[in-house]
């Protein structure tokens, strides 16, 4: 058995009516440290919107990376999986990836292609149980920007939204590419998407179709 703790929408660096939420974030991260140890968590997933802004302040970045290192030290064998959300600049989030991987923290940004084929390997993250055996995978997919999707003009024949068809095609391509690399183990697909049919609260920020 493995334990995966799913979180999302940390929005580090957010202010509310001009007031910083740094104190709240620090308290949440302290509690998160306690939880991953108390429950002996095997994997922590952060499913997008890690930062509140695509250009986070130095203070926000310091707060996040300090929290990630503390979590890793509190539960050293735990794998942390982070995907970019619509509030994140995927390239910026991925930039320190070589350093973060030393702490078993995997950051996944935009889908990239080479010779029109998805570079899929980075999206498949192995998860290990308490004995150190590989027990599952997380298939990590960031918020699908238009640049990540197949050419939308080729999907005009679809009876629904070309954007939805593009997202569906992207996930199908990822699964087809990675199917043979999963070693028959279970996998969890994590991503950052808007939900169709949701009800926005009054004054909710406007979001585009993607």
Protein backbone atom coordinates (compact mmCIF):
# COMPACT_ATOMS: atom_id res chain seq x y z
CA UNK A 1 0.00 0.00 0.00
CA UNK A 2 1.14 3.53 -0.70
CA UNK A 3 -0.13 6.86 0.57
CA UNK A 4 -0.40 9.82 -1.80
CA UNK A 5 -1.31 13.22 -0.37
CA UNK A 6 -2.98 15.38 -3.03
CA UNK A 7 -2.85 19.16 -2.75
CA UNK A 8 -3.25 22.03 -5.21
CA UNK A 9 -3.64 25.78 -5.55
CA UNK A 10 -1.09 26.85 -2.96
CA UNK A 11 -0.96 30.34 -4.53
CA UNK A 12 2.24 31.26 -2.70
CA UNK A 13 2.79 35.03 -2.77
CA UNK A 14 -0.90 35.89 -2.81
CA UNK A 15 -2.22 39.04 -1.20
CA UNK A 16 -5.83 39.51 -0.11
CA UNK A 17 -7.16 43.07 -0.25
CA UNK A 18 -3.59 44.30 -0.03
CA UNK A 19 -2.58 42.08 2.90
CA UNK A 20 0.10 39.41 2.50
CA UNK A 21 -0.93 35.81 3.21
CA UNK A 22 2.65 34.77 4.01
CA UNK A 23 1.80 34.04 7.65
CA UNK A 24 -1.04 31.72 6.58
CA UNK A 25 1.21 29.91 4.12
CA UNK A 26 3.88 29.39 6.78
CA UNK A 27 1.32 27.87 9.15
CA UNK A 28 -0.05 25.60 6.42
CA UNK A 29 3.44 24.39 5.51
CA UNK A 30 4.21 23.69 9.18
CA UNK A 31 1.05 21.60 9.44
CA UNK A 32 1.87 19.86 6.16
CA UNK A 33 5.23 18.79 7.60
CA UNK A 34 3.42 17.19 10.53
CA UNK A 35 0.93 15.42 8.27
CA UNK A 36 3.49 13.82 5.93
CA UNK A 37 5.35 12.39 8.92
CA UNK A 38 2.25 11.38 10.89
CA UNK A 39 0.77 9.51 7.92
CA UNK A 40 4.10 8.25 6.56
CA UNK A 41 3.27 9.72 3.15
CA UNK A 42 4.94 8.15 0.11
CA UNK A 43 4.16 10.94 -2.37
CA UNK A 44 3.01 14.54 -2.10
CA UNK A 45 1.29 15.94 -5.19
CA UNK A 46 0.96 19.68 -5.84
CA UNK A 47 -1.43 19.90 -8.78
CA UNK A 48 -0.81 23.38 -10.10
CA UNK A 49 -1.05 27.05 -9.16
CA UNK A 50 1.96 26.73 -6.90
CA UNK A 51 2.52 30.48 -7.12
CA UNK A 52 -0.19 33.12 -7.35
CA UNK A 53 1.65 34.99 -10.08
CA UNK A 54 3.65 34.03 -13.15
CA UNK A 55 6.27 36.50 -11.91
CA UNK A 56 6.50 35.68 -8.18
CA UNK A 57 8.51 37.88 -5.87
CA UNK A 58 11.83 36.78 -4.43
CA UNK A 59 10.12 36.43 -1.05
CA UNK A 60 7.45 34.12 -2.49
CA UNK A 61 10.07 31.93 -4.17
CA UNK A 62 12.12 31.75 -0.98
CA UNK A 63 9.02 30.76 1.01
CA UNK A 64 8.16 27.97 -1.43
CA UNK A 65 11.63 26.48 -1.76
CA UNK A 66 12.27 26.62 1.98
CA UNK A 67 8.98 24.80 2.53
CA UNK A 68 9.81 22.12 -0.05
CA UNK A 69 13.23 21.46 1.48
CA UNK A 70 11.71 21.24 4.97
CA UNK A 71 9.09 18.77 3.72
CA UNK A 72 11.75 16.67 2.07
CA UNK A 73 13.88 16.61 5.21
CA UNK A 74 10.88 15.78 7.39
CA UNK A 75 9.99 12.75 5.20
CA UNK A 76 13.18 11.98 3.23
CA UNK A 77 11.91 9.02 1.19
CA UNK A 78 8.77 10.89 0.05
CA UNK A 79 8.53 11.89 -3.62
CA UNK A 80 7.11 15.36 -4.25
CA UNK A 81 5.40 15.86 -7.63
CA UNK A 82 4.65 19.41 -8.78
CA UNK A 83 2.86 20.44 -11.97
CA UNK A 84 2.42 23.96 -13.32
CA UNK A 85 -1.02 25.58 -13.23
CA UNK A 86 -2.47 28.51 -15.14
CA UNK A 87 -1.11 30.94 -12.52
CA UNK A 88 2.42 29.54 -12.92
CA UNK A 89 5.05 30.28 -15.54
CA UNK A 90 5.90 26.67 -16.39
CA UNK A 91 9.45 27.47 -17.52
CA UNK A 92 10.18 29.45 -14.37
CA UNK A 93 8.77 26.67 -12.19
CA UNK A 94 10.91 24.07 -13.96
CA UNK A 95 14.12 26.12 -13.92
CA UNK A 96 15.50 24.79 -10.58
CA UNK A 97 14.51 21.20 -11.43
CA UNK A 98 18.09 19.81 -11.36
CA UNK A 99 18.54 21.16 -7.83
CA UNK A 100 15.11 20.05 -6.60
CA UNK A 101 15.61 16.50 -7.87
CA UNK A 102 18.38 16.13 -5.28
CA UNK A 103 15.55 16.30 -2.72
CA UNK A 104 13.32 13.85 -4.66
CA UNK A 105 11.16 16.75 -5.86
CA UNK A 106 9.96 16.41 -9.46
CA UNK A 107 8.67 19.50 -11.25
CA UNK A 108 6.77 19.11 -14.52
CA UNK A 109 6.11 22.10 -16.76
CA UNK A 110 4.86 22.36 -20.33
CA UNK A 111 4.53 19.42 -22.68
CA UNK A 112 7.37 19.59 -25.18
CA UNK A 113 7.83 17.87 -28.53
CA UNK A 114 10.82 16.76 -30.56
CA UNK A 115 10.28 15.80 -34.19
CA UNK A 116 6.53 16.21 -33.48
CA UNK A 117 6.62 13.53 -30.78
CA UNK A 118 5.95 14.26 -27.12
CA UNK A 119 8.96 14.14 -24.81
CA UNK A 120 6.95 12.02 -22.42
CA UNK A 121 9.51 10.58 -20.00
CA UNK A 122 9.49 13.56 -17.63
CA UNK A 123 5.73 13.18 -17.12
CA UNK A 124 6.00 9.68 -15.62
CA UNK A 125 7.15 9.85 -11.99
CA UNK A 126 7.80 6.59 -10.09
CA UNK A 127 6.47 6.28 -6.54
CA UNK A 128 8.13 3.97 -4.01
CA UNK A 129 6.61 2.28 -0.97
CA UNK A 130 8.08 2.09 2.54
CA UNK A 131 10.28 -0.87 1.57
CA UNK A 132 11.80 1.09 -1.32
CA UNK A 133 10.03 -0.93 -4.02
CA UNK A 134 8.47 0.88 -6.97
CA UNK A 135 4.73 0.62 -6.34
CA UNK A 136 3.04 3.08 -8.72
CA UNK A 137 3.53 6.03 -11.04
CA UNK A 138 2.16 9.54 -11.12
CA UNK A 139 1.44 10.75 -14.65
CA UNK A 140 1.99 14.47 -14.17
CA UNK A 141 0.55 16.93 -16.69
CA UNK A 142 0.66 20.71 -16.37
CA UNK A 143 -2.07 23.17 -17.32
CA UNK A 144 -2.53 22.71 -21.09
CA UNK A 145 -1.66 25.97 -22.79
CA UNK A 146 -2.38 26.33 -26.50
CA UNK A 147 1.31 25.68 -27.23
CA UNK A 148 1.00 22.23 -25.62
CA UNK A 149 -1.98 21.12 -27.70
CA UNK A 150 -2.10 19.60 -31.16
CA UNK A 151 -2.81 22.08 -33.94
CA UNK A 152 -6.37 23.12 -33.09
CA UNK A 153 -7.24 23.86 -36.72
CA UNK A 154 -6.94 20.14 -37.42
CA UNK A 155 -9.74 19.39 -35.00
CA UNK A 156 -12.47 21.41 -36.71
CA UNK A 157 -14.42 18.27 -37.55
CA UNK A 158 -14.99 17.53 -33.88
CA UNK A 159 -18.60 18.15 -32.89
CA UNK A 160 -17.62 19.80 -29.61
CA UNK A 161 -15.05 22.36 -28.57
CA UNK A 162 -11.73 22.13 -30.45
CA UNK A 163 -9.98 22.97 -27.18
CA UNK A 164 -11.59 20.01 -25.39
CA UNK A 165 -10.76 17.80 -28.35
CA UNK A 166 -7.17 19.03 -28.22
CA UNK A 167 -6.85 18.25 -24.51
CA UNK A 168 -8.38 14.81 -25.06
CA UNK A 169 -5.94 14.15 -27.89
CA UNK A 170 -2.99 15.28 -25.76
CA UNK A 171 -3.84 12.90 -22.91
CA UNK A 172 -4.46 10.02 -25.30
CA UNK A 173 -1.06 10.62 -26.92
CA UNK A 174 0.69 10.73 -23.54
CA UNK A 175 -0.96 7.50 -22.40
CA UNK A 176 -0.18 5.72 -25.67
CA UNK A 177 3.45 6.82 -25.49
CA UNK A 178 3.96 5.83 -21.85
CA UNK A 179 1.82 2.69 -21.62
CA UNK A 180 4.77 0.37 -22.15
CA UNK A 181 6.88 2.12 -19.50
CA UNK A 182 4.54 1.62 -16.55
CA UNK A 183 5.68 -1.94 -15.78
CA UNK A 184 2.09 -3.02 -15.16
CA UNK A 185 1.91 -0.81 -12.07
CA UNK A 186 -1.06 1.39 -11.18
CA UNK A 187 -0.80 5.06 -12.04
CA UNK A 188 -2.43 8.27 -10.91
CA UNK A 189 -3.04 11.01 -13.46
CA UNK A 190 -2.66 14.47 -11.95
CA UNK A 191 -3.28 17.67 -13.88
CA UNK A 192 -4.54 21.23 -13.51
CA UNK A 193 -7.79 21.97 -15.35
CA UNK A 194 -10.93 24.04 -15.05
CA UNK A 195 -14.11 22.04 -14.46
CA UNK A 196 -16.98 22.38 -16.92
CA UNK A 197 -20.27 23.29 -15.27
CA UNK A 198 -18.71 24.95 -12.23
CA UNK A 199 -20.46 27.90 -10.60
CA UNK A 200 -18.30 30.99 -10.14
CA UNK A 201 -18.62 32.95 -6.92
CA UNK A 202 -19.53 36.62 -7.19
CA UNK A 203 -16.47 38.64 -8.13
CA UNK A 204 -14.49 35.57 -9.18
CA UNK A 205 -11.59 36.38 -11.45
CA UNK A 206 -12.28 35.94 -15.14
CA UNK A 207 -10.66 32.93 -16.80
CA UNK A 208 -10.32 32.25 -20.49
CA UNK A 209 -11.30 28.95 -22.11
CA UNK A 210 -7.82 27.60 -21.44
